[in-house]
Amino acid sequence: MATRTEALEQQVGRALRRLDVAVVRDYGVVIAFVALFITLSISSDVFFTWENMKNLSFQTAPIGIMAVGGTLVFIAGGFDLSVGAVSAFAGIIAAKTYVGTGTGLWGSLIIGALAGLGCGIANGLLVTVGRVNAFIATLAMAIIVNGVAQVITSGNLVSVEGDRFTTLGLGTAGGVQYPVFVWIAVALVCGFLLWLTKFGRYVYAAGGNAEAARLAGVRVNVVRATTFAVSGLCAGIAGVILVSEVSTAQWDANRGIEFDVITAIVLGGVSLLGGEGAIWRAVLGAFFLQMIGNGFNLLGTSTQWQYVIKGVILAAAVSLDAWARRRRA
């Protein structure tokens, strides 16, 4: 009887630990988001206003779009360091297509986004067919794309004249900028794929236990390559939005943005080791990260401290992920 009681207590203890881990992973970003939101609302009269909320969403949209695509890569057990370079490259392609070929506005923007998709496919092939580590493959892709972009532009700016080119980046509907609607659409589509389709189940399986997924008939390499393609497409979409906002493209325009994207993904509770995560948490993580910068600006705090805070948040999020896995074991 004692042995059965002890076994039952151990099972209950493990179940409670798993519950604790699930709560921390799923709702930690929600608690932090609400706490920061309340703090900034109390500290600044301007923060919780309709205009600032619109501005905050608008500023977050490009990073949020890339975070949504990157979430699929992370859940499938991958890693993508190329989104900054790919987004800048997509913007260059869109701008040069619009200026140099006479292609219409939307045709140019679509071609730019498809350039991002092509880079994502290349990443997927390097990782799956070439069997290159995802970190190294995407870092190499970023270097290659930066080099190609410099060759195309000769290291110069690509400027687009005329207000029409800013339609996507600065246009509004109901007072809300178009990039926000694009972000919502991308999040909904990727969320649908992840939660309500067979592909989404395969993504979780590939990241959770690739060997078991293969034995179950899942084409793990195809699934992972597809996630890289989606991430590249999202980077391309974000890139054409960013170039549409300023009507200027440059090969190093979005340098460093990939670190904000990765921070947003990890902050949202997406595991670095794959198999766990959700689109809505990455969206909230991106919004949370941008809210820090917005709050610092409104409160007149030195912008240099933003990098310190972001670094601390990233380190804390990664440490939390490692702690959660140890607790679950």
Protein backbone atom coordinates (compact mmCIF):
# COMPACT_ATOMS: atom_id res chain seq x y z
CA MET A 1 0.00 0.00 0.00
CA ALA A 2 2.82 2.39 0.95
CA THR A 3 4.53 1.75 -2.36
CA ARG A 4 1.37 2.55 -4.29
CA THR A 5 0.87 5.70 -2.24
CA GLU A 6 4.41 6.85 -2.91
CA ALA A 7 4.03 6.14 -6.62
CA LEU A 8 0.77 8.10 -6.69
CA GLU A 9 2.42 11.02 -4.88
CA GLN A 10 5.28 11.00 -7.41
CA GLN A 11 2.82 11.02 -10.31
CA VAL A 12 0.89 13.91 -8.76
CA GLY A 13 4.14 15.79 -8.16
CA ARG A 14 5.23 15.36 -11.78
CA ALA A 15 1.81 16.46 -13.00
CA LEU A 16 1.96 19.59 -10.85
CA ARG A 17 5.45 20.41 -12.12
CA ARG A 18 4.27 20.05 -15.70
CA LEU A 19 1.32 22.30 -14.88
CA ASP A 20 3.64 24.93 -13.38
CA VAL A 21 5.84 24.83 -16.45
CA ALA A 22 2.86 25.12 -18.79
CA VAL A 23 1.50 28.11 -16.88
CA VAL A 24 4.88 29.88 -16.91
CA ARG A 25 5.48 29.17 -20.60
CA ASP A 26 1.99 30.00 -21.80
CA TYR A 27 1.09 32.97 -19.62
CA GLY A 28 4.38 34.44 -18.42
CA VAL A 29 4.47 36.89 -21.33
CA VAL A 30 0.83 37.79 -20.68
CA ILE A 31 1.54 38.65 -17.05
CA ALA A 32 4.64 40.67 -17.98
CA PHE A 33 2.74 42.43 -20.77
CA VAL A 34 -0.14 43.42 -18.51
CA ALA A 35 2.24 44.59 -15.77
CA LEU A 36 4.24 46.77 -18.16
CA PHE A 37 1.10 48.10 -19.82
CA ILE A 38 -0.38 49.18 -16.48
CA THR A 39 2.93 50.71 -15.36
CA LEU A 40 3.30 52.77 -18.52
CA SER A 41 -0.35 53.81 -18.46
CA ILE A 42 0.09 55.17 -14.95
CA SER A 43 3.49 56.75 -15.65
CA SER A 44 2.54 58.53 -18.87
CA ASP A 45 -0.66 60.35 -19.76
CA VAL A 46 0.09 59.85 -23.45
CA PHE A 47 0.73 56.10 -23.47
CA PHE A 48 -2.80 54.73 -23.21
CA THR A 49 -4.35 56.85 -25.94
CA TRP A 50 -5.83 55.77 -29.24
CA GLU A 51 -3.20 57.63 -31.24
CA ASN A 52 -0.32 56.05 -29.35
CA MET A 53 -1.84 52.57 -29.57
CA LYS A 54 -2.15 53.00 -33.34
CA ASN A 55 1.42 54.25 -33.52
CA LEU A 56 2.68 51.38 -31.37
CA SER A 57 0.92 48.78 -33.53
CA PHE A 58 2.26 50.43 -36.68
CA GLN A 59 5.83 50.38 -35.35
CA THR A 60 5.53 46.76 -34.28
CA ALA A 61 4.01 45.40 -37.50
CA PRO A 62 7.22 44.62 -39.50
CA ILE A 63 8.91 42.91 -36.55
CA GLY A 64 5.65 41.18 -35.69
CA ILE A 65 5.26 39.80 -39.21
CA MET A 66 8.79 38.39 -39.16
CA ALA A 67 8.25 36.99 -35.65
CA VAL A 68 5.15 35.13 -36.87
CA GLY A 69 7.11 33.45 -39.67
CA GLY A 70 10.09 32.79 -37.41
CA THR A 71 7.84 31.11 -34.85
CA LEU A 72 7.11 28.30 -37.31
CA VAL A 73 10.84 27.81 -37.86
CA PHE A 74 11.58 27.69 -34.13
CA ILE A 75 8.74 25.28 -33.35
CA ALA A 76 9.97 22.95 -36.10
CA GLY A 77 13.41 22.90 -34.47
CA GLY A 78 15.13 25.47 -36.69
CA PHE A 79 16.68 28.91 -36.34
CA ASP A 80 16.69 31.89 -38.71
CA LEU A 81 19.28 34.67 -38.54
CA SER A 82 18.72 35.90 -42.09
CA VAL A 83 15.44 37.81 -41.77
CA GLY A 84 17.08 41.23 -41.42
CA ALA A 85 19.16 40.85 -44.57
CA VAL A 86 16.30 39.20 -46.46
CA SER A 87 13.88 42.00 -45.58
CA ALA A 88 16.34 44.64 -46.79
CA PHE A 89 16.96 42.66 -49.99
CA ALA A 90 13.21 42.35 -50.63
CA GLY A 91 12.84 46.10 -50.24
CA ILE A 92 15.63 46.70 -52.76
CA ILE A 93 14.06 44.33 -55.29
CA ALA A 94 10.67 46.00 -54.88
CA ALA A 95 12.12 49.51 -55.26
CA LYS A 96 14.30 48.70 -58.26
CA THR A 97 11.48 46.81 -59.96
CA TYR A 98 9.16 49.77 -59.52
CA VAL A 99 11.73 52.31 -60.73
CA GLY A 100 13.53 50.37 -63.43
CA THR A 101 10.93 48.17 -65.11
CA GLY A 102 7.75 50.19 -65.03
CA THR A 103 6.00 47.42 -63.16
CA GLY A 104 3.00 48.69 -61.23
CA LEU A 105 3.02 49.35 -57.50
CA TRP A 106 1.49 46.10 -56.31
CA GLY A 107 3.39 44.02 -58.85
CA SER A 108 6.67 45.48 -57.58
CA LEU A 109 5.77 44.83 -53.96
CA ILE A 110 4.72 41.27 -54.72
CA ILE A 111 7.98 40.61 -56.57
CA GLY A 112 9.88 41.96 -53.58
CA ALA A 113 7.99 39.68 -51.21
CA LEU A 114 8.62 36.71 -53.52
CA ALA A 115 12.34 37.50 -53.40
CA GLY A 116 12.09 36.91 -49.66
CA LEU A 117 10.30 33.64 -50.33
CA GLY A 118 13.15 32.57 -52.61
CA CYS A 119 15.70 33.29 -49.89
CA GLY A 120 13.61 31.29 -47.43
CA ILE A 121 13.48 28.33 -49.82
CA ALA A 122 17.26 28.52 -50.18
CA ASN A 123 17.60 28.46 -46.40
CA GLY A 124 15.38 25.41 -46.22
CA LEU A 125 17.41 23.56 -48.85
CA LEU A 126 20.69 24.37 -47.12
CA VAL A 127 19.38 23.06 -43.80
CA THR A 128 17.60 19.95 -45.08
CA VAL A 129 19.30 18.84 -48.30
CA GLY A 130 22.69 20.34 -47.50
CA ARG A 131 22.45 19.26 -43.84
CA VAL A 132 24.00 22.54 -42.71
CA ASN A 133 23.32 23.67 -39.16
CA ALA A 134 20.43 26.16 -39.23
CA PHE A 135 22.40 28.81 -37.35
CA ILE A 136 25.30 28.63 -39.82
CA ALA A 137 23.08 28.25 -42.89
CA THR A 138 20.97 31.32 -42.17
CA LEU A 139 24.01 33.35 -41.10
CA ALA A 140 25.66 32.45 -44.41
CA MET A 141 22.48 33.36 -46.27
CA ALA A 142 22.43 36.75 -44.55
CA ILE A 143 26.02 37.41 -45.66
CA ILE A 144 25.28 36.25 -49.22
CA VAL A 145 22.12 38.34 -49.49
CA ASN A 146 23.91 41.41 -48.12
CA GLY A 147 26.64 40.92 -50.72
CA VAL A 148 24.18 40.52 -53.59
CA ALA A 149 22.26 43.59 -52.41
CA GLN A 150 25.46 45.66 -52.43
CA VAL A 151 26.26 44.49 -55.95
CA ILE A 152 22.77 45.35 -57.20
CA THR A 153 22.79 48.82 -55.64
CA SER A 154 26.55 49.50 -55.90
CA GLY A 155 26.29 50.33 -52.22
CA ASN A 156 24.00 53.31 -52.93
CA LEU A 157 20.50 54.20 -51.87
CA VAL A 158 17.61 53.30 -54.13
CA SER A 159 15.10 56.13 -53.97
CA VAL A 160 11.55 56.01 -55.29
CA GLU A 161 9.85 59.26 -56.24
CA GLY A 162 6.14 59.82 -55.94
CA ASP A 163 3.65 59.36 -53.14
CA ARG A 164 1.98 56.29 -54.64
CA PHE A 165 4.82 53.99 -53.59
CA THR A 166 4.02 54.73 -49.94
CA THR A 167 0.47 53.37 -50.26
CA LEU A 168 1.21 50.09 -48.47
CA GLY A 169 3.50 51.54 -45.83
CA LEU A 170 1.60 54.69 -44.92
CA GLY A 171 -1.93 54.16 -46.21
CA THR A 172 -4.77 53.88 -43.69
CA ALA A 173 -8.21 52.35 -43.40
CA GLY A 174 -10.45 53.54 -40.59
CA GLY A 175 -7.52 55.48 -39.20
CA VAL A 176 -5.36 52.34 -38.86
CA GLN A 177 -2.30 51.89 -41.07
CA TYR A 178 -2.26 49.10 -43.65
CA PRO A 179 0.82 47.33 -42.14
CA VAL A 180 -1.23 46.55 -39.02
CA PHE A 181 -3.88 44.80 -41.12
CA VAL A 182 -1.16 42.87 -42.97
CA TRP A 183 0.31 41.76 -39.64
CA ILE A 184 -3.09 40.60 -38.41
CA ALA A 185 -3.71 38.69 -41.66
CA VAL A 186 -0.31 36.97 -41.56
CA ALA A 187 -0.80 36.02 -37.90
CA LEU A 188 -4.26 34.59 -38.57
CA VAL A 189 -3.11 32.56 -41.57
CA CYS A 190 -0.06 31.14 -39.80
CA GLY A 191 -2.08 30.54 -36.64
CA PHE A 192 -4.65 28.61 -38.68
CA LEU A 193 -1.93 26.52 -40.32
CA LEU A 194 -0.29 25.77 -36.99
CA TRP A 195 -3.35 24.90 -34.93
CA LEU A 196 -5.97 23.59 -37.32
CA THR A 197 -4.13 21.72 -40.06
CA LYS A 198 -2.15 18.53 -40.42
CA PHE A 199 0.87 20.63 -41.41
CA GLY A 200 0.76 22.37 -38.03
CA ARG A 201 0.78 19.04 -36.20
CA TYR A 202 3.75 17.97 -38.29
CA VAL A 203 5.58 21.19 -37.37
CA TYR A 204 5.21 20.43 -33.67
CA ALA A 205 6.19 16.81 -34.23
CA ALA A 206 9.30 17.74 -36.23
CA GLY A 207 10.49 20.07 -33.48
CA GLY A 208 9.48 17.90 -30.56
CA ASN A 209 11.07 14.63 -31.65
CA ALA A 210 12.29 14.50 -35.24
CA GLU A 211 13.20 10.80 -35.18
CA ALA A 212 9.83 9.75 -33.78
CA ALA A 213 8.12 11.96 -36.36
CA ARG A 214 10.05 10.27 -39.18
CA LEU A 215 9.09 6.83 -37.88
CA ALA A 216 5.47 8.01 -37.84
CA GLY A 217 5.69 8.91 -41.52
CA VAL A 218 6.23 12.66 -41.22
CA ARG A 219 8.50 14.10 -43.92
CA VAL A 220 10.48 16.15 -41.45
CA ASN A 221 12.80 17.76 -44.00
CA VAL A 222 9.88 18.92 -46.13
CA VAL A 223 8.13 20.36 -43.08
CA ARG A 224 11.23 22.22 -41.90
CA ALA A 225 12.02 23.52 -45.37
CA THR A 226 8.46 24.81 -45.65
CA THR A 227 8.79 26.73 -42.37
CA PHE A 228 11.94 28.41 -43.67
CA ALA A 229 10.08 29.33 -46.85
CA VAL A 230 7.26 30.88 -44.81
CA SER A 231 9.80 32.79 -42.70
CA GLY A 232 11.46 34.12 -45.85
CA LEU A 233 8.11 35.20 -47.27
CA CYS A 234 7.24 36.98 -44.02
CA ALA A 235 10.63 38.74 -44.08
CA GLY A 236 9.94 39.75 -47.67
CA ILE A 237 6.52 41.15 -46.76
CA ALA A 238 8.02 43.09 -43.86
CA GLY A 239 10.78 44.36 -46.13
CA VAL A 240 8.43 45.78 -48.76
CA ILE A 241 6.37 47.41 -46.00
CA LEU A 242 9.46 49.08 -44.56
CA VAL A 243 10.67 50.35 -47.93
CA SER A 244 7.16 51.56 -48.75
CA GLU A 245 7.15 53.63 -45.57
CA VAL A 246 10.27 55.63 -46.48
CA SER A 247 10.47 55.24 -50.30
CA THR A 248 14.16 54.42 -49.89
CA ALA A 249 15.95 51.07 -50.00
CA GLN A 250 19.45 50.29 -48.77
CA TRP A 251 21.34 47.03 -48.43
CA ASP A 252 21.95 47.46 -44.67
CA ALA A 253 18.66 49.22 -43.89
CA ASN A 254 17.37 46.56 -41.51
CA ARG A 255 20.63 45.43 -39.97
CA GLY A 256 20.11 44.10 -36.44
CA ILE A 257 16.34 43.75 -36.74
CA GLU A 258 16.74 39.96 -36.65
CA PHE A 259 17.75 40.18 -32.99
CA ASP A 260 14.54 41.99 -32.12
CA VAL A 261 12.63 39.31 -34.02
CA ILE A 262 14.36 36.48 -32.16
CA THR A 263 13.87 38.26 -28.82
CA ALA A 264 10.15 38.67 -29.55
CA ILE A 265 9.83 34.98 -30.45
CA VAL A 266 11.68 33.73 -27.36
CA LEU A 267 9.95 36.26 -25.12
CA GLY A 268 6.66 34.83 -26.33
CA GLY A 269 7.58 31.46 -24.85
CA VAL A 270 8.60 29.69 -28.05
CA SER A 271 11.21 27.09 -27.13
CA LEU A 272 14.68 27.38 -28.65
CA LEU A 273 14.81 23.58 -28.81
CA GLY A 274 11.58 23.27 -30.80
CA GLY A 275 8.28 21.53 -30.35
CA GLU A 276 6.58 24.23 -28.26
CA GLY A 277 5.16 27.67 -28.96
CA ALA A 278 2.22 29.55 -30.41
CA ILE A 279 1.64 32.38 -32.86
CA TRP A 280 -0.35 34.51 -30.42
CA ARG A 281 2.49 34.43 -27.90
CA ALA A 282 5.00 35.59 -30.51
CA VAL A 283 2.63 38.41 -31.47
CA LEU A 284 2.37 39.44 -27.84
CA GLY A 285 6.15 39.15 -27.45
CA ALA A 286 6.71 41.52 -30.39
CA PHE A 287 4.21 43.99 -29.00
CA PHE A 288 5.78 43.76 -25.55
CA LEU A 289 9.26 44.41 -26.94
CA GLN A 290 8.15 47.44 -28.93
CA MET A 291 6.21 48.70 -25.94
CA ILE A 292 9.48 48.99 -24.02
CA GLY A 293 10.94 51.35 -26.60
CA ASN A 294 7.71 53.32 -26.89
CA GLY A 295 7.50 53.70 -23.12
CA PHE A 296 11.14 54.77 -22.84
CA ASN A 297 10.59 57.46 -25.46
CA LEU A 298 7.44 58.78 -23.80
CA LEU A 299 9.13 58.90 -20.40
CA GLY A 300 12.22 60.61 -21.81
CA THR A 301 14.55 57.81 -20.73
CA SER A 302 17.92 57.38 -22.46
CA THR A 303 17.56 55.18 -25.52
CA GLN A 304 20.86 53.43 -24.75
CA TRP A 305 19.18 51.66 -21.85
CA GLN A 306 16.74 50.04 -24.26
CA TYR A 307 19.49 47.72 -25.51
CA VAL A 308 20.39 46.78 -21.96
CA ILE A 309 16.77 45.99 -21.11
CA LYS A 310 16.27 43.98 -24.31
CA GLY A 311 19.43 41.98 -23.64
CA VAL A 312 18.37 41.25 -20.09
CA ILE A 313 14.90 40.20 -21.28
CA LEU A 314 16.40 37.84 -23.89
CA ALA A 315 18.75 36.27 -21.34
CA ALA A 316 15.88 35.88 -18.85
CA ALA A 317 13.59 34.31 -21.48
CA VAL A 318 16.23 31.78 -22.53
CA SER A 319 17.00 30.96 -18.90
CA LEU A 320 13.29 30.48 -18.26
CA ASP A 321 13.07 28.09 -21.19
CA ALA A 322 15.98 26.04 -19.82
CA TRP A 323 14.45 26.04 -16.33
CA ALA A 324 11.09 24.94 -17.70
CA ARG A 325 12.65 21.98 -19.50
CA ARG A 326 14.54 20.91 -16.37
CA ARG A 327 11.36 21.13 -14.29
CA ARG A 328 9.44 19.08 -16.82
CA ALA A 329 12.08 16.36 -16.97
